[in-house]
Amino acid sequence: MKFNKDTYLKEVGGLFLIVGVLHLWRAISGWPMFISTWAVPVWASYVVGIFILIMSWKAFHFSKNK
């Protein structure tokens, strides 16, 4: 299967959208998250979630521009 640029950007944008929403959901819900023994602060999920959602928006935006 051969992918062109638009298909790639749409799939990456969709993946980023899912990950960004999950990060914000984790932050709003206050779920704990650990990497080994380190507790990841909730504010980090807000920052990462917003950043990834911006990346998703840009991927969808670039897929529409020709």
Protein backbone atom coordinates (compact mmCIF):
# COMPACT_ATOMS: atom_id res chain seq x y z
CA MET A 1 0.00 0.00 0.00
CA LYS A 2 1.41 3.36 -1.02
CA PHE A 3 0.65 6.46 1.02
CA ASN A 4 0.73 9.95 -0.32
CA LYS A 5 1.41 13.06 1.73
CA ASP A 6 -2.25 13.88 2.37
CA THR A 7 -3.09 10.39 3.65
CA TYR A 8 -0.04 10.43 5.92
CA LEU A 9 -0.92 13.84 7.37
CA LYS A 10 -4.54 12.82 7.99
CA GLU A 11 -3.51 9.63 9.79
CA VAL A 12 -0.90 11.41 11.89
CA GLY A 13 -3.40 14.17 12.67
CA GLY A 14 -5.96 11.59 13.81
CA LEU A 15 -3.41 9.84 16.02
CA PHE A 16 -2.32 13.15 17.56
CA LEU A 17 -5.97 14.07 18.13
CA ILE A 18 -6.60 10.87 20.09
CA VAL A 19 -3.42 11.24 22.17
CA GLY A 20 -4.07 14.93 22.86
CA VAL A 21 -7.65 14.30 24.01
CA LEU A 22 -6.47 11.46 26.28
CA HIS A 23 -3.84 13.71 27.87
CA LEU A 24 -6.41 16.43 28.56
CA TRP A 25 -8.88 13.84 29.84
CA ARG A 26 -6.20 12.55 32.22
CA ALA A 27 -5.48 16.08 33.43
CA ILE A 28 -9.14 17.02 33.95
CA SER A 29 -9.90 13.73 35.70
CA GLY A 30 -6.79 14.01 37.87
CA TRP A 31 -5.69 10.44 37.17
CA PRO A 32 -2.26 9.61 38.51
CA MET A 33 0.45 8.76 36.01
CA PHE A 34 3.82 7.25 36.84
CA ILE A 35 6.97 6.75 34.83
CA SER A 36 8.91 4.18 36.84
CA THR A 37 8.79 5.73 40.32
CA TRP A 38 8.31 9.34 39.20
CA ALA A 39 4.80 10.77 39.49
CA VAL A 40 4.07 12.91 36.42
CA PRO A 41 2.43 16.18 37.51
CA VAL A 42 -1.07 16.92 36.22
CA TRP A 43 0.01 20.27 34.76
CA ALA A 44 2.36 18.39 32.42
CA SER A 45 -0.63 16.66 30.81
CA TYR A 46 -2.27 20.04 30.20
CA VAL A 47 0.86 21.32 28.45
CA VAL A 48 1.44 18.16 26.44
CA GLY A 49 -2.26 17.78 25.58
CA ILE A 50 -2.53 21.31 24.21
CA PHE A 51 0.76 20.96 22.31
CA ILE A 52 -0.31 17.67 20.71
CA LEU A 53 -3.74 19.08 19.78
CA ILE A 54 -1.99 21.98 18.04
CA MET A 55 0.17 19.46 16.16
CA SER A 56 -3.01 17.59 15.17
CA TRP A 57 -4.66 20.76 13.91
CA LYS A 58 -1.54 21.66 11.89
CA ALA A 59 -1.40 18.16 10.35
CA PHE A 60 -5.04 18.41 9.24
CA HIS A 61 -4.42 21.97 8.02
CA PHE A 62 -1.40 20.93 5.94
CA SER A 63 -3.29 17.97 4.47
CA LYS A 64 -5.94 20.35 3.06
CA ASN A 65 -3.41 22.75 1.51
CA LYS A 66 -2.11 21.72 -1.87
